[in-house]
Protein backbone atom coordinates (compact mmCIF):
# COMPACT_ATOMS: atom_id res chain seq x y z
CA MET A 1 -14.79 -14.41 -27.37
CA THR A 2 -17.27 -14.58 -24.57
CA THR A 3 -20.93 -13.53 -24.88
CA GLY A 4 -24.17 -13.21 -22.90
CA TYR A 5 -26.46 -15.71 -21.57
CA GLN A 6 -29.39 -16.78 -24.20
CA GLU A 7 -32.19 -15.49 -21.56
CA TYR A 8 -31.92 -13.31 -18.76
CA GLN A 9 -34.74 -12.73 -16.09
CA LEU A 10 -35.43 -9.17 -13.78
CA THR A 11 -34.16 -8.65 -10.27
CA ASP A 12 -35.61 -6.50 -7.44
CA ILE A 13 -32.16 -5.87 -6.50
CA ASP A 14 -31.62 -2.13 -6.83
CA TRP A 15 -27.84 -2.48 -8.11
CA LEU A 16 -28.31 -5.74 -10.20
CA LYS A 17 -31.00 -5.47 -12.63
CA GLU A 18 -31.13 -8.77 -14.64
CA VAL A 19 -29.26 -12.36 -14.28
CA PRO A 20 -29.63 -15.50 -16.12
CA SER A 21 -32.38 -17.00 -16.27
CA THR A 22 -31.48 -20.28 -14.97
CA TRP A 23 -29.67 -18.56 -11.82
CA GLN A 24 -31.29 -18.85 -8.46
CA ILE A 25 -31.88 -15.56 -6.26
CA SER A 26 -31.42 -15.88 -2.69
CA SER A 27 -29.59 -13.47 0.23
CA LEU A 28 -25.87 -14.10 0.99
CA LYS A 29 -26.54 -15.55 4.18
CA ARG A 30 -28.12 -18.50 2.28
CA ALA A 31 -24.57 -19.20 0.87
CA VAL A 32 -22.60 -19.29 4.10
CA GLU A 33 -22.86 -20.39 7.68
CA GLY A 34 -22.66 -17.06 8.89
CA CYS A 35 -19.88 -15.26 10.99
CA VAL A 36 -17.95 -17.03 13.63
CA ASN A 37 -15.84 -13.56 15.14
CA GLY A 38 -11.87 -14.31 16.05
CA ILE A 39 -10.11 -14.14 19.24
CA TRP A 40 -6.57 -12.80 19.79
CA GLY A 41 -5.61 -14.86 22.89
CA ASP A 42 -2.43 -14.21 24.97
CA GLU A 43 1.18 -13.67 24.29
CA PRO A 44 2.56 -17.17 23.09
CA ASP A 45 3.71 -19.57 25.55
CA GLY A 46 5.15 -22.53 23.41
CA GLU A 47 2.30 -25.07 24.24
CA ASN A 48 -0.71 -23.46 22.84
CA ASP A 49 0.88 -21.32 19.84
CA LEU A 50 -1.27 -20.78 16.96
CA ILE A 51 -1.29 -18.70 13.92
CA VAL A 52 -3.65 -15.52 14.34
CA LEU A 53 -4.45 -13.66 11.00
CA ARG A 54 -5.16 -10.41 11.25
CA VAL A 55 -6.64 -7.43 8.90
CA ALA A 56 -2.46 -7.10 7.89
CA ASP A 57 -2.60 -10.39 6.65
CA PHE A 58 -5.24 -9.78 3.92
CA ASP A 59 -3.58 -9.52 -0.06
CA ARG A 60 -6.32 -7.05 -0.95
CA SER A 61 -5.46 -7.44 -4.71
CA ALA A 62 -5.53 -10.98 -4.80
CA ASN A 63 -8.46 -11.58 -2.03
CA ALA A 64 -5.93 -13.93 -0.73
CA VAL A 65 -4.14 -14.45 2.85
CA ALA A 66 -0.22 -13.67 2.86
CA ASP A 67 1.75 -15.54 4.47
CA ASP A 68 4.88 -13.04 4.57
CA LYS A 69 4.20 -11.72 8.30
CA LEU A 70 2.01 -14.57 10.06
CA THR A 71 1.76 -13.76 13.94
CA TYR A 72 1.61 -16.35 16.78
CA ARG A 73 -0.57 -16.11 20.37
CA ALA A 74 -1.45 -18.77 22.69
CA ILE A 75 -4.82 -20.12 22.36
CA THR A 76 -6.19 -22.73 24.15
CA GLN A 77 -8.18 -25.82 23.22
CA LYS A 78 -11.33 -24.73 24.06
CA GLU A 79 -11.02 -21.27 22.74
CA ARG A 80 -9.97 -22.92 19.22
CA SER A 81 -12.23 -25.83 18.87
CA SER A 82 -15.13 -23.59 17.12
CA ARG A 83 -12.68 -21.21 15.39
CA LEU A 84 -10.28 -23.62 13.66
CA LEU A 85 -9.81 -22.69 9.86
CA LYS A 86 -10.33 -25.19 6.89
CA ARG A 87 -9.21 -24.69 2.95
CA GLY A 88 -12.03 -22.94 1.22
CA ASP A 89 -13.21 -20.90 4.61
CA LEU A 90 -13.61 -16.94 3.78
CA LEU A 91 -12.06 -14.46 6.09
CA ILE A 92 -14.46 -10.87 6.62
CA GLU A 93 -12.67 -7.99 7.93
CA LYS A 94 -15.37 -6.86 10.43
CA SER A 95 -13.64 -3.71 11.72
CA GLY A 96 -10.82 -1.48 10.16
CA GLY A 97 -11.20 0.11 7.16
CA GLY A 98 -9.95 3.74 6.93
CA GLU A 99 -10.14 6.86 5.08
CA LYS A 100 -9.44 5.24 1.43
CA THR A 101 -11.10 1.87 2.33
CA LEU A 102 -14.02 0.69 3.42
CA VAL A 103 -14.03 -2.19 6.26
CA GLY A 104 -15.56 -5.38 4.75
CA ALA A 105 -13.00 -6.63 2.57
CA VAL A 106 -13.15 -10.80 2.22
CA VAL A 107 -10.32 -13.19 1.20
CA LEU A 108 -10.00 -17.02 0.88
CA PHE A 109 -8.16 -19.41 3.04
CA ASP A 110 -6.86 -21.66 1.12
CA LYS A 111 -3.59 -22.51 3.53
CA ALA A 112 -3.03 -26.25 4.87
CA TYR A 113 -1.32 -24.85 8.18
CA GLN A 114 -3.86 -24.51 11.44
CA ALA A 115 -5.20 -20.81 12.21
CA VAL A 116 -7.86 -19.12 13.38
CA THR A 117 -9.00 -15.18 12.75
CA SER A 118 -8.15 -12.36 15.28
CA ASN A 119 -11.18 -10.52 16.81
CA PHE A 120 -11.18 -7.85 13.79
CA VAL A 121 -11.95 -11.04 11.60
CA ALA A 122 -14.95 -13.47 11.27
CA LYS A 123 -14.78 -16.98 9.18
CA MET A 124 -17.81 -17.91 6.93
CA THR A 125 -17.56 -21.22 5.73
CA PRO A 126 -19.67 -21.68 2.54
CA LYS A 127 -22.84 -23.80 2.55
CA SER A 128 -23.12 -27.00 0.85
CA GLY A 129 -23.93 -26.45 -3.00
CA PHE A 130 -21.93 -23.21 -2.98
CA ASP A 131 -17.98 -22.89 -4.34
CA SER A 132 -15.97 -21.40 -2.13
CA ARG A 133 -13.86 -19.86 -4.84
CA PHE A 134 -16.56 -18.51 -6.72
CA LEU A 135 -18.17 -16.66 -3.46
CA ASN A 136 -14.82 -15.25 -2.69
CA TYR A 137 -15.05 -13.58 -6.24
CA VAL A 138 -18.53 -12.56 -5.55
CA PHE A 139 -17.73 -10.51 -2.25
CA ALA A 140 -14.86 -9.17 -4.37
CA HIS A 141 -17.76 -7.74 -6.77
CA LEU A 142 -19.48 -6.75 -4.05
CA TYR A 143 -16.90 -4.77 -2.07
CA SER A 144 -15.45 -3.19 -5.54
CA GLY A 145 -19.65 -1.85 -5.61
CA ASN A 146 -19.46 -0.57 -2.24
CA VAL A 147 -22.46 -3.15 -1.40
CA ASN A 148 -21.46 -3.00 1.96
CA TYR A 149 -21.12 0.85 2.60
CA PRO A 150 -24.80 0.95 4.04
CA CYS A 151 -23.57 -1.72 6.63
CA ILE A 152 -21.07 0.04 7.88
CA LYS A 153 -20.90 1.86 11.48
CA GLN A 154 -18.10 4.26 12.27
CA THR A 155 -17.25 4.76 15.95
CA THR A 156 -14.25 6.47 17.28
CA GLY A 157 -12.22 6.52 13.91
CA ILE A 158 -13.02 3.26 13.54
CA GLN A 159 -14.94 1.65 11.16
CA ASN A 160 -17.66 -1.62 11.99
CA ILE A 161 -19.70 -3.85 9.24
CA ASP A 162 -22.92 -5.36 10.82
CA SER A 163 -22.01 -8.08 9.18
CA ASP A 164 -25.88 -9.54 9.80
CA ALA A 165 -27.15 -6.75 7.80
CA TYR A 166 -24.40 -7.30 5.07
CA LEU A 167 -25.28 -11.07 4.53
CA SER A 168 -28.53 -10.18 4.32
CA SER A 169 -28.45 -8.77 0.53
CA TYR A 170 -29.33 -10.61 -2.13
CA PHE A 171 -27.49 -11.79 -5.16
CA ALA A 172 -27.91 -14.89 -7.62
CA TYR A 173 -26.27 -17.92 -7.83
CA PRO A 174 -25.92 -20.36 -10.65
CA ALA A 175 -25.86 -24.23 -9.82
CA GLN A 176 -22.25 -25.43 -8.28
CA PRO A 177 -20.70 -26.86 -11.61
CA GLU A 178 -21.39 -23.57 -13.38
CA GLN A 179 -20.06 -22.02 -9.91
CA LYS A 180 -16.76 -23.76 -10.22
CA LEU A 181 -16.61 -23.19 -14.11
CA ILE A 182 -16.46 -19.53 -13.51
CA ALA A 183 -14.05 -19.46 -10.54
CA ASN A 184 -12.06 -21.34 -13.06
CA TYR A 185 -12.33 -19.01 -15.74
CA LEU A 186 -11.64 -16.19 -13.50
CA ASP A 187 -8.41 -17.78 -11.73
CA ILE A 188 -7.10 -18.24 -15.16
CA GLU A 189 -7.94 -14.49 -16.46
CA SER A 190 -6.59 -13.09 -13.12
CA SER A 191 -3.48 -14.58 -13.50
CA ARG A 192 -3.10 -13.34 -16.69
CA ILE A 193 -3.44 -10.09 -15.67
CA ASP A 194 -1.64 -10.12 -12.30
CA SER A 195 1.13 -11.47 -14.64
CA LEU A 196 0.97 -8.43 -16.16
CA ILE A 197 1.08 -6.28 -12.90
CA SER A 198 3.83 -8.04 -11.92
CA GLU A 199 6.08 -7.40 -14.90
CA LYS A 200 5.01 -3.62 -15.19
CA GLN A 201 5.90 -3.32 -11.21
CA ARG A 202 9.33 -5.04 -12.17
CA PHE A 203 9.84 -2.71 -14.84
CA ILE A 204 9.20 0.43 -12.60
CA GLU A 205 11.36 -1.10 -9.68
CA LEU A 206 13.83 -1.04 -12.68
CA LEU A 207 13.19 2.57 -13.77
CA LYS A 208 13.72 3.77 -10.06
CA GLU A 209 17.07 1.99 -9.90
CA LYS A 210 18.62 3.57 -13.01
CA ARG A 211 17.03 7.07 -12.15
CA GLN A 212 18.82 6.83 -8.88
CA ALA A 213 21.89 5.48 -10.35
CA LEU A 214 21.81 8.70 -12.63
CA ILE A 215 21.12 10.73 -9.93
CA SER A 216 24.44 8.95 -7.78
CA HIS A 217 26.57 9.55 -10.67
CA VAL A 218 26.00 13.33 -11.09
CA VAL A 219 25.92 13.94 -7.40
CA THR A 220 29.89 12.32 -7.05
CA LYS A 221 31.02 12.54 -10.71
CA GLY A 222 29.64 15.68 -11.72
CA LEU A 223 29.04 16.49 -15.92
CA ASP A 224 32.51 16.53 -17.37
CA ALA A 225 33.74 13.15 -18.18
CA ASN A 226 37.05 14.63 -18.68
CA VAL A 227 37.68 16.20 -15.04
CA GLU A 228 40.67 15.37 -12.67
CA MET A 229 39.23 13.03 -10.11
CA LYS A 230 40.58 12.72 -6.41
CA ASP A 231 40.02 10.23 -3.69
CA SER A 232 37.12 11.78 -1.76
CA GLY A 233 38.73 10.02 1.67
CA VAL A 234 35.86 8.19 2.33
CA GLU A 235 36.03 4.75 1.19
CA TRP A 236 31.96 4.26 -0.04
CA MET A 237 31.91 7.32 -1.39
CA GLY A 238 35.39 6.45 -3.94
CA SER A 239 36.60 9.38 -6.09
CA ILE A 240 35.16 12.58 -7.01
CA PRO A 241 36.47 15.62 -8.77
CA ALA A 242 39.31 17.00 -7.53
CA HIS A 243 37.97 20.48 -7.05
CA TRP A 244 35.13 19.64 -4.56
CA ASN A 245 34.59 19.28 -1.35
CA VAL A 246 33.09 16.45 0.87
CA LYS A 247 31.61 18.03 3.93
CA LYS A 248 28.63 16.86 6.63
CA LEU A 249 25.34 17.90 5.82
CA LYS A 250 25.64 20.09 9.62
CA THR A 251 27.96 22.49 7.75
CA ILE A 252 25.74 23.37 4.94
CA GLY A 253 22.16 23.55 6.81
CA LYS A 254 20.07 22.38 9.53
CA ALA A 255 17.80 19.28 10.14
CA ILE A 256 15.02 20.17 12.04
CA ILE A 257 12.58 17.45 13.80
CA GLY A 258 9.10 17.98 13.61
CA LEU A 259 5.97 19.10 15.56
CA THR A 260 4.82 17.25 18.64
CA TYR A 261 0.91 17.48 18.96
CA SER A 262 -1.92 15.39 21.01
CA PRO A 263 -5.12 13.80 19.70
CA ASP A 264 -6.97 17.08 21.25
CA ASP A 265 -4.97 19.31 18.87
CA VAL A 266 -6.01 17.72 15.71
CA GLN A 267 -9.16 19.54 14.34
CA ASP A 268 -10.76 19.76 10.98
CA ASP A 269 -9.39 22.75 10.21
CA GLY A 270 -6.20 24.88 11.48
CA THR A 271 -2.27 24.15 10.24
CA ILE A 272 -2.00 20.84 7.81
CA VAL A 273 0.72 19.16 9.61
CA LEU A 274 2.75 17.36 7.09
CA ARG A 275 3.50 13.52 7.77
CA SER A 276 5.04 10.93 5.82
CA THR A 277 1.74 9.97 4.59
CA ASN A 278 1.78 13.31 2.45
CA ILE A 279 5.19 12.37 0.62
CA GLN A 280 4.21 10.40 -2.14
CA GLU A 281 6.40 9.26 -5.40
CA GLY A 282 9.28 11.82 -4.44
CA LYS A 283 6.43 14.75 -4.44
CA ILE A 284 4.08 16.67 -1.67
CA SER A 285 0.90 15.15 -1.70
CA LEU A 286 -2.24 17.31 0.20
CA HIS A 287 -4.77 14.46 0.14
CA ASP A 288 -4.46 12.88 3.33
CA ASN A 289 -3.42 15.83 5.54
CA VAL A 290 -3.97 16.26 9.20
CA TYR A 291 -4.81 19.55 10.90
CA VAL A 292 -3.73 21.14 14.29
CA ASP A 293 -5.39 24.02 16.30
CA LYS A 294 -2.37 25.35 18.22
CA GLN A 295 0.56 27.90 18.25
CA ILE A 296 3.41 26.68 15.97
CA PRO A 297 7.07 28.03 16.11
CA ALA A 298 8.02 29.65 12.93
CA LYS A 299 11.23 27.06 12.76
CA LEU A 300 8.54 24.48 12.38
CA THR A 301 6.89 26.01 9.56
CA THR A 302 7.83 24.84 5.78
CA LYS A 303 9.54 27.08 3.54
CA LEU A 304 10.03 26.97 -0.51
CA ASN A 305 12.40 24.33 -0.82
CA ASP A 306 12.76 22.94 2.36
CA ILE A 307 13.61 19.03 2.03
CA LEU A 308 10.59 17.04 4.32
CA ILE A 309 12.01 13.71 5.56
CA CYS A 310 10.30 10.77 6.59
CA SER A 311 12.49 9.79 9.98
CA ARG A 312 10.64 7.54 11.85
CA ASN A 313 8.04 4.52 10.47
CA GLY A 314 7.09 1.37 11.05
CA SER A 315 8.60 0.10 7.78
CA ARG A 316 12.54 0.41 7.49
CA LYS A 317 12.00 0.83 3.84
CA LEU A 318 9.93 4.25 4.32
CA ILE A 319 12.69 5.58 6.22
CA GLY A 320 14.30 8.52 4.00
CA LYS A 321 11.59 9.18 1.57
CA ASN A 322 11.63 12.73 0.98
CA ALA A 323 10.33 15.88 -0.93
CA LEU A 324 10.94 19.31 -1.76
CA ILE A 325 8.64 21.55 0.01
CA ASP A 326 6.68 23.29 -3.16
CA GLU A 327 4.93 26.62 -3.29
CA LYS A 328 1.22 24.81 -2.35
CA SER A 329 2.93 23.33 0.44
CA VAL A 330 4.76 26.63 2.07
CA GLY A 331 3.53 27.69 5.96
CA MET A 332 2.24 24.37 6.77
CA SER A 333 3.97 22.23 9.99
CA PHE A 334 5.25 19.01 9.65
CA GLY A 335 5.43 15.90 12.56
CA ALA A 336 7.10 14.81 15.01
CA PHE A 337 7.91 11.38 12.88
CA THR A 338 9.25 13.90 9.79
CA THR A 339 12.56 15.89 9.73
CA VAL A 340 12.79 19.28 7.75
CA PHE A 341 16.41 19.87 5.99
CA ARG A 342 16.71 23.49 5.14
CA SER A 343 19.99 24.93 3.29
CA ASP A 344 20.24 27.32 0.76
CA ILE A 345 21.40 24.46 -1.60
CA ASN A 346 18.62 22.57 -0.91
CA LYS A 347 17.76 21.65 -4.51
CA PHE A 348 21.58 20.11 -4.93
CA VAL A 349 21.03 18.52 -1.50
CA HIS A 350 17.59 17.35 -2.70
CA LEU A 351 19.42 14.89 -5.14
CA LEU A 352 21.84 13.72 -3.10
CA LEU A 353 19.06 12.52 -0.24
CA ASN A 354 17.83 10.53 -3.52
CA SER A 355 21.10 9.26 -4.39
CA SER A 356 22.86 5.78 -3.25
CA LEU A 357 25.10 7.65 -1.04
CA PHE A 358 22.15 8.52 1.31
CA ASP A 359 20.80 5.12 1.25
CA TYR A 360 24.09 3.39 2.21
CA GLN A 361 24.64 6.07 5.30
CA ALA A 362 20.97 6.35 6.54
CA GLY A 363 21.27 1.56 6.23
CA MET A 364 24.24 2.04 8.99
CA PHE A 365 22.03 3.63 11.37
CA LEU A 366 18.87 1.72 11.13
CA THR A 367 18.57 -1.69 13.28
CA THR A 368 16.64 -4.33 13.27
CA THR A 369 14.92 -2.66 16.45
CA VAL A 370 14.79 1.03 15.90
CA ASN A 371 13.32 2.67 12.31
CA GLN A 372 14.70 6.23 12.82
CA LEU A 373 16.65 8.74 11.45
CA THR A 374 17.49 11.38 14.03
CA THR A 375 18.55 14.73 13.30
CA GLY A 376 22.14 13.88 14.74
CA MET A 377 23.02 10.85 12.74
CA LEU A 378 21.59 13.31 9.15
CA ASN A 379 23.57 15.95 10.51
CA ASN A 380 26.90 13.60 10.29
CA PHE A 381 25.68 12.50 6.54
CA GLU A 382 29.25 13.51 4.72
CA VAL A 383 28.15 14.41 1.00
CA PRO A 384 30.30 15.43 -1.92
CA VAL A 385 29.86 19.17 -2.56
CA PRO A 386 30.86 20.90 -5.89
CA PRO A 387 31.11 24.78 -6.85
CA ILE A 388 27.89 26.70 -6.46
CA GLU A 389 27.51 27.31 -10.27
CA GLU A 390 28.39 23.32 -11.04
CA GLN A 391 25.27 22.56 -8.26
CA SER A 392 23.03 24.41 -10.65
CA ALA A 393 23.88 22.74 -13.87
CA ILE A 394 24.08 19.41 -12.23
CA VAL A 395 20.41 20.26 -10.89
CA ASP A 396 19.70 21.38 -14.00
CA GLU A 397 20.46 18.10 -15.88
CA ALA A 398 19.72 15.86 -13.00
CA ASN A 399 15.87 16.92 -13.87
CA ARG A 400 15.79 16.74 -17.09
CA GLN A 401 17.19 13.15 -17.52
CA THR A 402 14.70 11.98 -14.07
CA GLU A 403 11.85 13.82 -16.00
CA LYS A 404 12.46 11.23 -19.06
CA PHE A 405 12.30 8.44 -16.13
CA ASP A 406 9.24 10.05 -14.01
CA LEU A 407 7.46 10.30 -17.75
CA LEU A 408 7.87 6.52 -17.72
CA ILE A 409 7.19 5.62 -14.35
CA LYS A 410 3.98 7.44 -14.41
CA GLU A 411 2.39 5.97 -17.92
CA THR A 412 3.56 2.48 -16.50
CA ILE A 413 1.44 3.26 -13.10
CA CYS A 414 -1.63 4.36 -15.33
CA SER A 415 -1.09 0.90 -16.94
CA ILE A 416 -1.70 -1.18 -13.93
CA ASP A 417 -4.58 0.57 -12.90
CA LEU A 418 -6.30 -0.07 -16.10
CA LEU A 419 -5.20 -3.55 -15.73
CA LYS A 420 -6.59 -3.60 -12.15
CA GLU A 421 -9.68 -2.47 -13.21
CA HIS A 422 -10.28 -4.40 -16.40
CA ARG A 423 -9.95 -7.21 -14.05
CA SER A 424 -12.57 -6.07 -11.60
CA ALA A 425 -14.59 -5.42 -14.25
CA LEU A 426 -14.29 -8.90 -15.56
CA ILE A 427 -15.04 -10.35 -12.11
CA SER A 428 -18.19 -8.07 -11.69
CA ALA A 429 -19.43 -9.07 -15.26
CA ALA A 430 -18.59 -12.92 -14.80
CA VAL A 431 -20.42 -13.07 -11.36
CA THR A 432 -23.65 -11.46 -12.53
CA GLY A 433 -23.87 -13.26 -15.85
CA LYS A 434 -23.33 -10.22 -18.08
CA ILE A 435 -20.82 -13.10 -20.10
CA ASP A 436 -21.57 -16.52 -20.21
CA VAL A 437 -17.99 -18.75 -19.68
CA ARG A 438 -19.30 -22.15 -19.44
CA GLY A 439 -17.68 -22.62 -23.18
CA PHE A 440 -14.42 -21.09 -22.34
CA ASP A 441 -11.15 -23.97 -22.32
CA ASN A 442 -10.45 -24.32 -18.73
CA LYS A 443 -7.70 -26.90 -19.62
CA GLY A 444 -5.06 -26.59 -16.54
CA ALA A 445 -7.50 -24.83 -13.89
CA ALA A 446 -7.82 -25.66 -10.59
C-alpha cells in the first residue's frame, strides 16, 4: 500500500499546489536539451536511406514508438549528424493534433536502430541528472492535464506547439535515484494494467467473432434446424434452406455513391455530410460532423433504414463497416468515400452486410493497391434471400441475440476506459509525489 510523503512544500505552479519538500522546482527546459527539429528528406535512394519517425509512429497509449509501419527516407550524413536519435531521447509532436486530440504528445525512443524524426516531430535529450523514463511519465502527466494547451497555436486547421513556451513550464523533480524508483514502479504497474487491457480487448474481439458467427448462421441457415436444405450453387455460401433464393444485391436494391464536395463547400453549418468516421460500432455517430452549404440532390440525402457503408479508406479493415440510418440521421447527405444501399428489405440486408458472407466477398475485390468497394462490386454481391415473413423473424431473433453481445462489448469497453483512467491517475500521483513509492518492491523492474 503506497502512502504520501511525510513533508510537503507549497509551489507557485497553478496546477500543482504542493510537492514533497525534498524535490527541486525548476522549468522543463532545465531537464532537457531543448528541441531539435526533424527532417523529411528525399525519396529513398538506396544509399542514404534512414528511418524517419513520424507522428503516426507514436503509440500514445504506451507513450512509446511503434515499429509496425516504419518509413525510410534519404537523409544525407550532414542532415542526420545533429538529428540522430539515441536510446532515451524523448520525441515531441510539434505539429498535428486533431479535433479530439491536442498536439504535444511525447513518447520515449528506446530502440537500438538508427533513426531521425520527421519535420513534425522534434527530439529532446534529457540532461545529466534526469531519468528519461521518469521524464516520459512527467510529459504524459502534463499532456493528460492539458498543460500544453496554452502553448498551442492553430493555423490552417493544423495545431502547432510553441515548444519554447511549453518547456518554460515549471515542474518538481526528485533526485535521479528516486526518479528511477518512480519510473520502475510505473513501468511495472503500467505493464500490469496494459496486460489487463489487452485481455479485455481480446475478449471484445472474441465477442465480435461470436456475434458475426451468429449472424452468419441465421442469414444462411434460418431459424428452423429441421428445415430441408439445398445447395446454394455458390461454393463459399454452402447449403441454404430449400425454399430460399440466391440473388445479387442489385436485384433487391440500389447502391448509391456519395456526394462529391470541395473544401470551399465546407461551412460551419448547413447540411451534414456523413463520412466513414460517423460509423462507430455499427451505429451512426453525430459527434464528428462536416457541414456543406450547397444544393444536394434528393437521392443523396438519407432515408430511414438506408445502410451507410464505408466504401473507401486508407485502412482496408474499415472497408465495409456500416450502419443503419436511424431517425436522427434522416435527411443528411453522405460523402463520396461512402455508399448508401437502399432497398425495401434493408433490415435483413443489414444483417447480410455484417456477416462473414460480406467479409468474404469484399475481400475478393480489395487489392494491395486499392482499398475501394465500388457500387458495381456491391451490386454484384450474391446473397441468400428468404421469404419476407421469414426475414422479419430472422431480424428480430438476430437483434435479440446480438443485443447480449453488444451489452457485453459495451461493458468491457467501459472497464477498459476505467483502467486507462486508473493508469493515468497512477502516473499523475507518482510523478507529482502524491504517493511515495520508494518502498515499492522493484524486483525484476527495468
